[in-house]
Amino acid sequence: MKKARQIRLLEVKSEVGAGTRGASLGIDAVKIAALDFRSNFFKAHRSINIPDDNSALYGMIESRYAKRIRSVLKMYERIAAAVRDSLKDGKFPIVISGDHSNAGGTIAGIKMAYPDLRIGVIWIDAHADLHSPYTTPSGNLHGMPLATALAEDNIENKVNDLDYETIELWERLKNVGDIAPKIEYRDLLYMTLRDYEEQEGYLIKQHRVKNFTTTEIRKTGVTKICREAQKYLSHCDKIYISFDVDALDPSISRGTGTPVKGGINEREAADLILELVQNERVCALEFSEINPTLDSENVMAETVFEILQKVARQVEII
């Protein structure tokens, strides 16, 4: 008999890694969606608020190639500690976060909880998030969380010259938890990836990173795709799922900072996550980049809440 897992919600309102403002309001938008559905979800599940550093958004940008990296480093450390503690307490952390840079902290926390285990990552996202300060076209750290987990600089495709301070802070970011790298390329699996720069494409091709496209998901079917994903990561002891809402097609909602055509619909997203969390190796789940300031009638937050509610039920009956 499979053991039920108790959820611990971690609320991370930080959006210091994003280029567009508003993702810090995503958690409150999801809570409003819960009220509209007359759900007591956020009363029934213990929630921990991770203090943000969004006041830094009013300050000067110190590094053009790693914007607000000091604040992102603070968030990595705070999130990592909360995720580590949740896992050591035997809980299943569901992180609801602002921008996707926060996911680097989540991965760090999982590795800190299980330093001797191999961590698999299922990245459901339109974007690769494999840039480093050496390759970034924007300097926004929400495009770099996987590079921090992989300890990847991608010097071969360097386009930016960094100052000493940025290099030192980037090294600290990669080494949160005193473990680097935290995952290997073979531990990474994309779903719905469809928008990335040449420098990221180089890494994906060089390391033969697996990606299940929207077309493949529809043609093959969610159940079979999830079986293939689990098989692909069969060498991993624990698995983390990160869901950036821009995996969804913008025809559903534009309530995210970087929408890209060709995504999955809300039913496919729910079915994918529900199927994946049935695997006992899945130890944490994250939702990110919900931006109600770009939305209409809170559609994106309502979509996420419906998925969240279903996933919570699934996790707690396993």
C-alpha atoms as a PDB file:
ATOM      1  CA  MET A   1       0.000   0.000   0.000  1.00  0.00           C
ATOM      2  CA  LYS A   2       1.361   3.404  -0.972  1.00  0.00           C
ATOM      3  CA  LYS A   3       1.831   5.918   1.830  1.00  0.00           C
ATOM      4  CA  ALA A   4      -0.152   9.171   1.704  1.00  0.00           C
ATOM      5  CA  ARG A   5       1.923  12.344   1.565  1.00  0.00           C
ATOM      6  CA  GLN A   6       1.062  15.480   3.511  1.00  0.00           C
ATOM      7  CA  ILE A   7       1.324  18.719   1.590  1.00  0.00           C
ATOM      8  CA  ARG A   8       3.148  21.795   2.810  1.00  0.00           C
ATOM      9  CA  LEU A   9       2.495  24.931   0.779  1.00  0.00           C
ATOM     10  CA  LEU A  10       5.391  27.336   0.372  1.00  0.00           C
ATOM     11  CA  GLU A  11       4.445  30.832  -0.794  1.00  0.00           C
ATOM     12  CA  VAL A  12       7.223  32.751  -2.545  1.00  0.00           C
ATOM     13  CA  LYS A  13       6.155  36.185  -3.769  1.00  0.00           C
ATOM     14  CA  SER A  14       9.598  37.120  -5.046  1.00  0.00           C
ATOM     15  CA  GLU A  15       9.741  38.508  -8.575  1.00  0.00           C
ATOM     16  CA  VAL A  16      13.238  40.008  -8.468  1.00  0.00           C
ATOM     17  CA  GLY A  17      14.427  37.634 -11.196  1.00  0.00           C
ATOM     18  CA  ALA A  18      11.814  38.691 -13.763  1.00  0.00           C
ATOM     19  CA  GLY A  19      11.880  41.411 -16.378  1.00  0.00           C
ATOM     20  CA  THR A  20       8.137  42.120 -16.196  1.00  0.00           C
ATOM     21  CA  ARG A  21       6.448  43.235 -12.998  1.00  0.00           C
ATOM     22  CA  GLY A  22       3.411  41.557 -11.449  1.00  0.00           C
ATOM     23  CA  ALA A  23       4.317  37.916 -10.734  1.00  0.00           C
ATOM     24  CA  SER A  24       4.537  38.727  -7.013  1.00  0.00           C
ATOM     25  CA  LEU A  25       0.740  39.076  -7.098  1.00  0.00           C
ATOM     26  CA  GLY A  26       0.258  35.557  -8.482  1.00  0.00           C
ATOM     27  CA  ILE A  27      -0.216  33.850  -5.118  1.00  0.00           C
ATOM     28  CA  ASP A  28      -2.905  36.290  -4.027  1.00  0.00           C
ATOM     29  CA  ALA A  29      -4.602  35.842  -7.402  1.00  0.00           C
ATOM     30  CA  VAL A  30      -4.689  32.068  -6.832  1.00  0.00           C
ATOM     31  CA  LYS A  31      -6.186  32.659  -3.373  1.00  0.00           C
ATOM     32  CA  ILE A  32      -8.862  34.875  -4.917  1.00  0.00           C
ATOM     33  CA  ALA A  33      -9.577  32.075  -7.384  1.00  0.00           C
ATOM     34  CA  ALA A  34     -10.021  29.725  -4.419  1.00  0.00           C
ATOM     35  CA  LEU A  35     -12.549  32.127  -2.893  1.00  0.00           C
ATOM     36  CA  ASP A  36     -14.415  32.355  -6.202  1.00  0.00           C
ATOM     37  CA  PHE A  37     -14.635  28.551  -6.213  1.00  0.00           C
ATOM     38  CA  ARG A  38     -15.774  28.682  -2.563  1.00  0.00           C
ATOM     39  CA  SER A  39     -12.884  26.453  -1.585  1.00  0.00           C
ATOM     40  CA  ASN A  40     -11.242  26.279   1.837  1.00  0.00           C
ATOM     41  CA  PHE A  41      -8.039  24.916   0.263  1.00  0.00           C
ATOM     42  CA  PHE A  42      -5.759  27.538   1.804  1.00  0.00           C
ATOM     43  CA  LYS A  43      -7.266  26.947   5.232  1.00  0.00           C
ATOM     44  CA  ALA A  44      -7.039  23.171   4.960  1.00  0.00           C
ATOM     45  CA  HIS A  45      -3.329  23.138   4.076  1.00  0.00           C
ATOM     46  CA  ARG A  46      -0.575  24.661   6.151  1.00  0.00           C
ATOM     47  CA  SER A  47       1.158  27.446   4.269  1.00  0.00           C
ATOM     48  CA  ILE A  48       4.562  28.993   4.949  1.00  0.00           C
ATOM     49  CA  ASN A  49       5.382  32.431   3.582  1.00  0.00           C
ATOM     50  CA  ILE A  50       8.985  32.849   2.433  1.00  0.00           C
ATOM     51  CA  PRO A  51       9.965  36.523   2.918  1.00  0.00           C
ATOM     52  CA  ASP A  52      10.700  38.236  -0.392  1.00  0.00           C
ATOM     53  CA  ASP A  53      13.243  40.905  -1.300  1.00  0.00           C
ATOM     54  CA  ASN A  54      11.027  42.780  -3.745  1.00  0.00           C
ATOM     55  CA  SER A  55      12.037  46.128  -2.230  1.00  0.00           C
ATOM     56  CA  ALA A  56      15.180  45.706  -4.346  1.00  0.00           C
ATOM     57  CA  LEU A  57      13.039  46.430  -7.401  1.00  0.00           C
ATOM     58  CA  TYR A  58      13.128  50.107  -6.399  1.00  0.00           C
ATOM     59  CA  GLY A  59      16.921  50.195  -6.287  1.00  0.00           C
ATOM     60  CA  MET A  60      19.628  50.470  -8.906  1.00  0.00           C
ATOM     61  CA  ILE A  61      20.544  47.473 -11.077  1.00  0.00           C
ATOM     62  CA  GLU A  62      24.145  46.669 -10.162  1.00  0.00           C
ATOM     63  CA  SER A  63      24.888  44.086 -12.849  1.00  0.00           C
ATOM     64  CA  ARG A  64      23.380  44.347 -16.327  1.00  0.00           C
ATOM     65  CA  TYR A  65      24.038  40.634 -16.976  1.00  0.00           C
ATOM     66  CA  ALA A  66      22.702  39.344 -13.657  1.00  0.00           C
ATOM     67  CA  LYS A  67      20.055  41.820 -12.548  1.00  0.00           C
ATOM     68  CA  ARG A  68      19.389  41.883  -8.800  1.00  0.00           C
ATOM     69  CA  ILE A  69      21.556  38.796  -8.296  1.00  0.00           C
ATOM     70  CA  ARG A  70      22.127  39.674  -4.631  1.00  0.00           C
ATOM     71  CA  SER A  71      18.380  39.496  -4.018  1.00  0.00           C
ATOM     72  CA  VAL A  72      18.052  36.286  -6.019  1.00  0.00           C
ATOM     73  CA  LEU A  73      20.842  34.775  -3.916  1.00  0.00           C
ATOM     74  CA  LYS A  74      18.938  35.699  -0.750  1.00  0.00           C
ATOM     75  CA  MET A  75      15.826  34.045  -2.154  1.00  0.00           C
ATOM     76  CA  TYR A  76      17.726  30.883  -3.144  1.00  0.00           C
ATOM     77  CA  GLU A  77      18.985  30.540   0.419  1.00  0.00           C
ATOM     78  CA  ARG A  78      15.574  31.167   2.000  1.00  0.00           C
ATOM     79  CA  ILE A  79      13.676  28.865  -0.369  1.00  0.00           C
ATOM     80  CA  ALA A  80      16.311  26.130  -0.160  1.00  0.00           C
ATOM     81  CA  ALA A  81      16.111  26.100   3.639  1.00  0.00           C
ATOM     82  CA  ALA A  82      12.301  25.906   3.624  1.00  0.00           C
ATOM     83  CA  VAL A  83      12.229  23.116   1.022  1.00  0.00           C
ATOM     84  CA  ARG A  84      14.959  21.161   2.821  1.00  0.00           C
ATOM     85  CA  ASP A  85      13.143  21.444   6.147  1.00  0.00           C
ATOM     86  CA  SER A  86       9.806  20.451   4.602  1.00  0.00           C
ATOM     87  CA  LEU A  87      11.287  17.320   3.058  1.00  0.00           C
ATOM     88  CA  LYS A  88      13.104  16.380   6.254  1.00  0.00           C
ATOM     89  CA  ASP A  89       9.774  16.779   8.075  1.00  0.00           C
ATOM     90  CA  GLY A  90       8.322  14.195   5.698  1.00  0.00           C
ATOM     91  CA  LYS A  91       6.146  16.732   3.844  1.00  0.00           C
ATOM     92  CA  PHE A  92       5.468  17.174   0.137  1.00  0.00           C
ATOM     93  CA  PRO A  93       6.303  20.818  -0.672  1.00  0.00           C
ATOM     94  CA  ILE A  94       4.172  22.562  -3.258  1.00  0.00           C
ATOM     95  CA  VAL A  95       5.820  25.876  -4.046  1.00  0.00           C
ATOM     96  CA  ILE A  96       3.701  28.679  -5.481  1.00  0.00           C
ATOM     97  CA  SER A  97       6.196  31.271  -6.615  1.00  0.00           C
ATOM     98  CA  GLY A  98       6.497  34.559  -8.442  1.00  0.00           C
ATOM     99  CA  ASP A  99       9.168  34.354 -11.111  1.00  0.00           C
ATOM    100  CA  HIS A 100      10.876  31.147 -12.221  1.00  0.00           C
ATOM    101  CA  SER A 101      14.300  32.054 -10.835  1.00  0.00           C
ATOM    102  CA  ASN A 102      12.924  30.797  -7.507  1.00  0.00           C
ATOM    103  CA  ALA A 103      13.004  27.236  -8.862  1.00  0.00           C
ATOM    104  CA  GLY A 104      16.783  27.266  -8.529  1.00  0.00           C
ATOM    105  CA  GLY A 105      16.303  27.621  -4.792  1.00  0.00           C
ATOM    106  CA  THR A 106      13.817  24.755  -4.754  1.00  0.00           C
ATOM    107  CA  ILE A 107      16.263  22.429  -6.512  1.00  0.00           C
ATOM    108  CA  ALA A 108      18.975  23.479  -4.069  1.00  0.00           C
ATOM    109  CA  GLY A 109      16.681  22.637  -1.146  1.00  0.00           C
ATOM    110  CA  ILE A 110      15.881  19.200  -2.519  1.00  0.00           C
ATOM    111  CA  LYS A 111      19.570  18.449  -2.994  1.00  0.00           C
ATOM    112  CA  MET A 112      20.330  19.702   0.516  1.00  0.00           C
ATOM    113  CA  ALA A 113      17.697  17.333   1.912  1.00  0.00           C
ATOM    114  CA  TYR A 114      19.010  14.415  -0.171  1.00  0.00           C
ATOM    115  CA  PRO A 115      22.729  15.137  -0.787  1.00  0.00           C
ATOM    116  CA  ASP A 116      23.534  11.526  -1.637  1.00  0.00           C
ATOM    117  CA  LEU A 117      20.583  10.972  -3.986  1.00  0.00           C
ATOM    118  CA  ARG A 118      20.219  11.750  -7.670  1.00  0.00           C
ATOM    119  CA  ILE A 119      17.574  14.406  -8.373  1.00  0.00           C
ATOM    120  CA  GLY A 120      15.560  14.366 -11.586  1.00  0.00           C
ATOM    121  CA  VAL A 121      13.871  17.507 -12.922  1.00  0.00           C
ATOM    122  CA  ILE A 122      10.794  17.672 -15.144  1.00  0.00           C
ATOM    123  CA  TRP A 123      10.675  21.231 -16.494  1.00  0.00           C
ATOM    124  CA  ILE A 124       7.251  22.013 -17.986  1.00  0.00           C
ATOM    125  CA  ASP A 125       7.930  25.350 -19.629  1.00  0.00           C
ATOM    126  CA  ALA A 126       7.997  27.142 -22.964  1.00  0.00           C
ATOM    127  CA  HIS A 127      11.580  28.238 -22.217  1.00  0.00           C
ATOM    128  CA  ALA A 128      14.864  26.432 -21.589  1.00  0.00           C
ATOM    129  CA  ASP A 129      16.082  28.684 -18.714  1.00  0.00           C
ATOM    130  CA  LEU A 130      19.662  27.607 -19.433  1.00  0.00           C
ATOM    131  CA  HIS A 131      21.300  30.999 -19.775  1.00  0.00           C
ATOM    132  CA  SER A 132      24.144  32.184 -17.579  1.00  0.00           C
ATOM    133  CA  PRO A 133      25.344  35.777 -17.095  1.00  0.00           C
ATOM    134  CA  TYR A 134      27.919  34.999 -19.795  1.00  0.00           C
ATOM    135  CA  THR A 135      25.223  34.304 -22.423  1.00  0.00           C
ATOM    136  CA  THR A 136      22.047  36.105 -21.339  1.00  0.00           C
ATOM    137  CA  PRO A 137      20.517  38.648 -23.729  1.00  0.00           C
ATOM    138  CA  SER A 138      18.391  40.223 -20.962  1.00  0.00           C
ATOM    139  CA  GLY A 139      20.224  39.806 -17.656  1.00  0.00           C
ATOM    140  CA  ASN A 140      17.030  38.493 -16.052  1.00  0.00           C
ATOM    141  CA  LEU A 141      17.758  35.609 -13.688  1.00  0.00           C
ATOM    142  CA  HIS A 142      14.451  33.856 -14.318  1.00  0.00           C
ATOM    143  CA  GLY A 143      16.142  32.665 -17.492  1.00  0.00           C
ATOM    144  CA  MET A 144      18.979  31.008 -15.528  1.00  0.00           C
ATOM    145  CA  PRO A 145      17.662  28.634 -12.794  1.00  0.00           C
ATOM    146  CA  LEU A 146      18.620  25.434 -14.609  1.00  0.00           C
ATOM    147  CA  ALA A 147      22.081  26.807 -15.354  1.00  0.00           C
ATOM    148  CA  THR A 148      22.582  27.347 -11.615  1.00  0.00           C
ATOM    149  CA  ALA A 149      21.423  23.790 -10.842  1.00  0.00           C
ATOM    150  CA  LEU A 150      23.738  22.397 -13.528  1.00  0.00           C
ATOM    151  CA  ALA A 151      26.583  24.767 -12.562  1.00  0.00           C
ATOM    152  CA  GLU A 152      26.657  25.732 -16.229  1.00  0.00           C
ATOM    153  CA  ASP A 153      28.495  28.839 -17.480  1.00  0.00           C
ATOM    154  CA  ASN A 154      28.423  27.947 -21.198  1.00  0.00           C
ATOM    155  CA  ILE A 155      31.705  29.777 -21.745  1.00  0.00           C
ATOM    156  CA  GLU A 156      31.932  28.271 -25.250  1.00  0.00           C
ATOM    157  CA  ASN A 157      29.088  30.602 -26.268  1.00  0.00           C
ATOM    158  CA  LYS A 158      30.086  33.597 -24.176  1.00  0.00           C
ATOM    159  CA  VAL A 159      28.803  36.961 -25.414  1.00  0.00           C
ATOM    160  CA  ASN A 160      29.086  39.054 -22.221  1.00  0.00           C
ATOM    161  CA  ASP A 161      32.166  40.149 -20.283  1.00  0.00           C
ATOM    162  CA  LEU A 162      31.473  40.072 -16.552  1.00  0.00           C
ATOM    163  CA  ASP A 163      32.944  42.164 -13.775  1.00  0.00           C
ATOM    164  CA  TYR A 164      34.599  40.432 -10.840  1.00  0.00           C
ATOM    165  CA  GLU A 165      31.669  41.059  -8.464  1.00  0.00           C
ATOM    166  CA  THR A 166      29.134  39.464 -10.815  1.00  0.00           C
ATOM    167  CA  ILE A 167      31.377  36.429 -11.303  1.00  0.00           C
ATOM    168  CA  GLU A 168      31.736  36.008  -7.531  1.00  0.00           C
ATOM    169  CA  LEU A 169      27.970  36.291  -6.929  1.00  0.00           C
ATOM    170  CA  TRP A 170      27.213  33.880  -9.775  1.00  0.00           C
ATOM    171  CA  GLU A 171      29.594  31.337  -8.244  1.00  0.00           C
ATOM    172  CA  ARG A 172      27.821  31.706  -4.909  1.00  0.00           C
ATOM    173  CA  LEU A 173      24.447  31.234  -6.592  1.00  0.00           C
ATOM    174  CA  LYS A 174      25.577  27.982  -8.233  1.00  0.00           C
ATOM    175  CA  ASN A 175      26.973  26.758  -4.916  1.00  0.00           C
ATOM    176  CA  VAL A 176      24.000  27.361  -2.616  1.00  0.00           C
ATOM    177  CA  GLY A 177      23.953  24.452  -0.181  1.00  0.00           C
ATOM    178  CA  ASP A 178      27.670  23.880  -0.862  1.00  0.00           C
ATOM    179  CA  ILE A 179      26.777  21.390  -3.609  1.00  0.00           C
ATOM    180  CA  ALA A 180      27.473  21.985  -7.291  1.00  0.00           C
ATOM    181  CA  PRO A 181      26.261  20.791  -9.651  1.00  0.00           C
ATOM    182  CA  LYS A 182      22.979  19.684  -8.104  1.00  0.00           C
ATOM    183  CA  ILE A 183      21.808  17.812 -11.197  1.00  0.00           C
ATOM    184  CA  GLU A 184      23.377  16.474 -14.396  1.00  0.00           C
ATOM    185  CA  TYR A 185      22.016  17.026 -17.898  1.00  0.00           C
ATOM    186  CA  ARG A 186      20.886  13.394 -17.968  1.00  0.00           C
ATOM    187  CA  ASP A 187      18.642  14.211 -14.990  1.00  0.00           C
ATOM    188  CA  LEU A 188      16.756  16.922 -16.897  1.00  0.00           C
ATOM    189  CA  LEU A 189      13.608  16.458 -18.972  1.00  0.00           C
ATOM    190  CA  TYR A 190      11.664  19.201 -20.735  1.00  0.00           C
ATOM    191  CA  MET A 191       7.999  19.249 -21.641  1.00  0.00           C
ATOM    192  CA  THR A 192       6.506  21.823 -24.079  1.00  0.00           C
ATOM    193  CA  LEU A 193       9.872  23.549 -24.620  1.00  0.00           C
ATOM    194  CA  ARG A 194       9.558  25.694 -27.753  1.00  0.00           C
ATOM    195  CA  ASP A 195      11.382  29.002 -27.295  1.00  0.00           C
ATOM    196  CA  TYR A 196      15.104  29.340 -26.611  1.00  0.00           C
ATOM    197  CA  GLU A 197      18.173  31.190 -27.811  1.00  0.00           C
ATOM    198  CA  GLU A 198      21.066  29.783 -29.838  1.00  0.00           C
ATOM    199  CA  GLN A 199      23.329  29.526 -26.785  1.00  0.00           C
ATOM    200  CA  GLU A 200      20.756  27.391 -24.956  1.00  0.00           C
ATOM    201  CA  GLY A 201      20.125  25.307 -28.067  1.00  0.00           C
ATOM    202  CA  TYR A 202      23.842  24.502 -28.178  1.00  0.00           C
ATOM    203  CA  LEU A 203      23.657  22.962 -24.691  1.00  0.00           C
ATOM    204  CA  ILE A 204      20.434  21.082 -25.406  1.00  0.00           C
ATOM    205  CA  LYS A 205      21.918  19.563 -28.551  1.00  0.00           C
ATOM    206  CA  GLN A 206      25.346  18.860 -27.038  1.00  0.00           C
ATOM    207  CA  HIS A 207      23.883  17.049 -24.026  1.00  0.00           C
ATOM    208  CA  ARG A 208      20.955  15.498 -25.922  1.00  0.00           C
ATOM    209  CA  VAL A 209      18.414  16.816 -23.462  1.00  0.00           C
ATOM    210  CA  LYS A 210      15.020  15.199 -23.902  1.00  0.00           C
ATOM    211  CA  ASN A 211      12.001  17.338 -24.747  1.00  0.00           C
ATOM    212  CA  PHE A 212       8.414  16.171 -25.157  1.00  0.00           C
ATOM    213  CA  THR A 213       6.818  18.765 -27.438  1.00  0.00           C
ATOM    214  CA  THR A 214       3.170  19.797 -27.406  1.00  0.00           C
ATOM    215  CA  THR A 215       2.679  17.883 -30.654  1.00  0.00           C
ATOM    216  CA  GLU A 216       4.221  14.710 -29.174  1.00  0.00           C
ATOM    217  CA  ILE A 217       2.101  14.978 -26.042  1.00  0.00           C
ATOM    218  CA  ARG A 218      -1.073  15.193 -28.147  1.00  0.00           C
ATOM    219  CA  LYS A 219      -0.057  12.518 -30.617  1.00  0.00           C
ATOM    220  CA  THR A 220       1.243  10.006 -28.061  1.00  0.00           C
ATOM    221  CA  GLY A 221      -1.163  10.748 -25.228  1.00  0.00           C
ATOM    222  CA  VAL A 222      -0.512  11.973 -21.708  1.00  0.00           C
ATOM    223  CA  THR A 223      -0.399   8.536 -20.050  1.00  0.00           C
ATOM    224  CA  LYS A 224       2.215   7.145 -22.415  1.00  0.00           C
ATOM    225  CA  ILE A 225       4.287  10.352 -22.347  1.00  0.00           C
ATOM    226  CA  CYS A 226       4.374  10.239 -18.555  1.00  0.00           C
ATOM    227  CA  ARG A 227       5.436   6.584 -18.611  1.00  0.00           C
ATOM    228  CA  GLU A 228       8.232   7.491 -21.021  1.00  0.00           C
ATOM    229  CA  ALA A 229       9.249  10.407 -18.777  1.00  0.00           C
ATOM    230  CA  GLN A 230       9.414   8.160 -15.735  1.00  0.00           C
ATOM    231  CA  LYS A 231      11.436   5.621 -17.670  1.00  0.00           C
ATOM    232  CA  TYR A 232      13.801   8.332 -18.929  1.00  0.00           C
ATOM    233  CA  LEU A 233      14.429   9.415 -15.326  1.00  0.00           C
ATOM    234  CA  SER A 234      14.452   5.882 -13.914  1.00  0.00           C
ATOM    235  CA  HIS A 235      18.056   6.378 -12.740  1.00  0.00           C
ATOM    236  CA  CYS A 236      16.954   9.243 -10.447  1.00  0.00           C
ATOM    237  CA  ASP A 237      16.060   8.665  -6.802  1.00  0.00           C
ATOM    238  CA  LYS A 238      13.840  11.744  -6.448  1.00  0.00           C
ATOM    239  CA  ILE A 239      11.985  13.859  -9.004  1.00  0.00           C
ATOM    240  CA  TYR A 240      10.961  17.520  -8.911  1.00  0.00           C
ATOM    241  CA  ILE A 241       8.313  18.968 -11.237  1.00  0.00           C
ATOM    242  CA  SER A 242       8.447  22.648 -12.150  1.00  0.00           C
ATOM    243  CA  PHE A 243       5.458  24.114 -13.989  1.00  0.00           C
ATOM    244  CA  ASP A 244       5.846  27.556 -15.516  1.00  0.00           C
ATOM    245  CA  VAL A 245       2.401  28.697 -16.628  1.00  0.00           C
ATOM    246  CA  ASP A 246       3.763  29.818 -19.993  1.00  0.00           C
ATOM    247  CA  ALA A 247       3.726  26.113 -20.846  1.00  0.00           C
ATOM    248  CA  LEU A 248       0.055  26.867 -21.491  1.00  0.00           C
ATOM    249  CA  ASP A 249      -0.961  28.311 -24.832  1.00  0.00           C
ATOM    250  CA  PRO A 250      -1.645  32.078 -24.683  1.00  0.00           C
ATOM    251  CA  SER A 251      -5.054  31.467 -26.262  1.00  0.00           C
ATOM    252  CA  ILE A 252      -6.080  30.226 -22.784  1.00  0.00           C
ATOM    253  CA  SER A 253      -4.712  33.218 -20.897  1.00  0.00           C
ATOM    254  CA  ARG A 254      -2.009  35.842 -21.287  1.00  0.00           C
ATOM    255  CA  GLY A 255      -1.565  36.076 -17.529  1.00  0.00           C
ATOM    256  CA  THR A 256       2.188  35.475 -17.606  1.00  0.00           C
ATOM    257  CA  GLY A 257       5.205  37.573 -18.539  1.00  0.00           C
ATOM    258  CA  THR A 258       6.530  35.629 -21.532  1.00  0.00           C
ATOM    259  CA  PRO A 259       3.699  33.828 -23.381  1.00  0.00           C
ATOM    260  CA  VAL A 260       4.606  31.668 -26.406  1.00  0.00           C
ATOM    261  CA  LYS A 261       2.251  30.167 -28.991  1.00  0.00           C
ATOM    262  CA  GLY A 262       2.032  26.401 -29.351  1.00  0.00           C
ATOM    263  CA  GLY A 263       1.510  25.423 -25.732  1.00  0.00           C
ATOM    264  CA  ILE A 264      -0.711  22.847 -24.077  1.00  0.00           C
ATOM    265  CA  ASN A 265      -4.246  23.510 -22.863  1.00  0.00           C
ATOM    266  CA  GLU A 266      -5.436  23.462 -19.257  1.00  0.00           C
ATOM    267  CA  ARG A 267      -6.769  19.894 -19.467  1.00  0.00           C
ATOM    268  CA  GLU A 268      -3.466  18.596 -20.842  1.00  0.00           C
ATOM    269  CA  ALA A 269      -1.513  20.449 -18.140  1.00  0.00           C
ATOM    270  CA  ALA A 270      -3.695  19.025 -15.380  1.00  0.00           C
ATOM    271  CA  ASP A 271      -3.531  15.506 -16.793  1.00  0.00           C
ATOM    272  CA  LEU A 272       0.260  15.659 -17.152  1.00  0.00           C
ATOM    273  CA  ILE A 273       0.866  16.807 -13.597  1.00  0.00           C
ATOM    274  CA  LEU A 274      -1.741  14.451 -12.119  1.00  0.00           C
ATOM    275  CA  GLU A 275      -0.197  11.513 -13.914  1.00  0.00           C
ATOM    276  CA  LEU A 276       3.360  12.451 -12.974  1.00  0.00           C
ATOM    277  CA  VAL A 277       2.749  12.968  -9.243  1.00  0.00           C
ATOM    278  CA  GLN A 278       1.461   9.405  -8.939  1.00  0.00           C
ATOM    279  CA  ASN A 279       5.095   8.328  -9.031  1.00  0.00           C
ATOM    280  CA  GLU A 280       6.341   8.031  -5.442  1.00  0.00           C
ATOM    281  CA  ARG A 281       9.731   9.412  -6.461  1.00  0.00           C
ATOM    282  CA  VAL A 282       8.156  12.820  -7.115  1.00  0.00           C
ATOM    283  CA  CYS A 283       9.005  14.797  -3.980  1.00  0.00           C
ATOM    284  CA  ALA A 284       8.139  18.412  -4.823  1.00  0.00           C
ATOM    285  CA  LEU A 285       6.095  20.508  -7.249  1.00  0.00           C
ATOM    286  CA  GLU A 286       6.270  24.186  -8.199  1.00  0.00           C
ATOM    287  CA  PHE A 287       3.939  26.606  -9.997  1.00  0.00           C
ATOM    288  CA  SER A 288       5.429  29.891 -11.194  1.00  0.00           C
ATOM    289  CA  GLU A 289       5.055  33.051 -13.302  1.00  0.00           C
ATOM    290  CA  ILE A 290       1.329  33.712 -12.693  1.00  0.00           C
ATOM    291  CA  ASN A 291       0.931  37.429 -13.452  1.00  0.00           C
ATOM    292  CA  PRO A 292      -2.595  38.784 -12.895  1.00  0.00           C
ATOM    293  CA  THR A 293      -1.602  42.289 -14.081  1.00  0.00           C
ATOM    294  CA  LEU A 294      -1.345  40.863 -17.608  1.00  0.00           C
ATOM    295  CA  ASP A 295      -4.510  38.799 -17.315  1.00  0.00           C
ATOM    296  CA  SER A 296      -8.219  39.298 -17.827  1.00  0.00           C
ATOM    297  CA  GLU A 297     -10.767  38.151 -15.213  1.00  0.00           C
ATOM    298  CA  ASN A 298      -8.090  36.175 -13.319  1.00  0.00           C
ATOM    299  CA  VAL A 299      -8.261  33.300 -15.806  1.00  0.00           C
ATOM    300  CA  MET A 300      -4.654  32.097 -15.356  1.00  0.00           C
ATOM    301  CA  ALA A 301      -4.918  31.980 -11.563  1.00  0.00           C
ATOM    302  CA  GLU A 302      -8.217  30.097 -11.797  1.00  0.00           C
ATOM    303  CA  THR A 303      -6.628  27.586 -14.170  1.00  0.00           C
ATOM    304  CA  VAL A 304      -3.697  27.068 -11.786  1.00  0.00           C
ATOM    305  CA  PHE A 305      -5.983  26.730  -8.777  1.00  0.00           C
ATOM    306  CA  GLU A 306      -8.053  24.026 -10.470  1.00  0.00           C
ATOM    307  CA  ILE A 307      -4.869  22.083 -11.233  1.00  0.00           C
ATOM    308  CA  LEU A 308      -3.509  22.697  -7.722  1.00  0.00           C
ATOM    309  CA  GLN A 309      -6.679  21.404  -6.087  1.00  0.00           C
ATOM    310  CA  LYS A 310      -6.689  18.223  -8.166  1.00  0.00           C
ATOM    311  CA  VAL A 311      -2.983  17.605  -7.589  1.00  0.00           C
ATOM    312  CA  ALA A 312      -3.365  18.052  -3.823  1.00  0.00           C
ATOM    313  CA  ARG A 313      -6.067  15.391  -3.740  1.00  0.00           C
ATOM    314  CA  GLN A 314      -3.888  13.053  -5.817  1.00  0.00           C
ATOM    315  CA  VAL A 315      -0.805  13.555  -3.625  1.00  0.00           C
ATOM    316  CA  GLU A 316      -2.685  12.994  -0.397  1.00  0.00           C
ATOM    317  CA  ILE A 317      -4.297   9.726  -1.464  1.00  0.00           C
ATOM    318  CA  ILE A 318      -1.024   8.143  -2.616  1.00  0.00           C
END
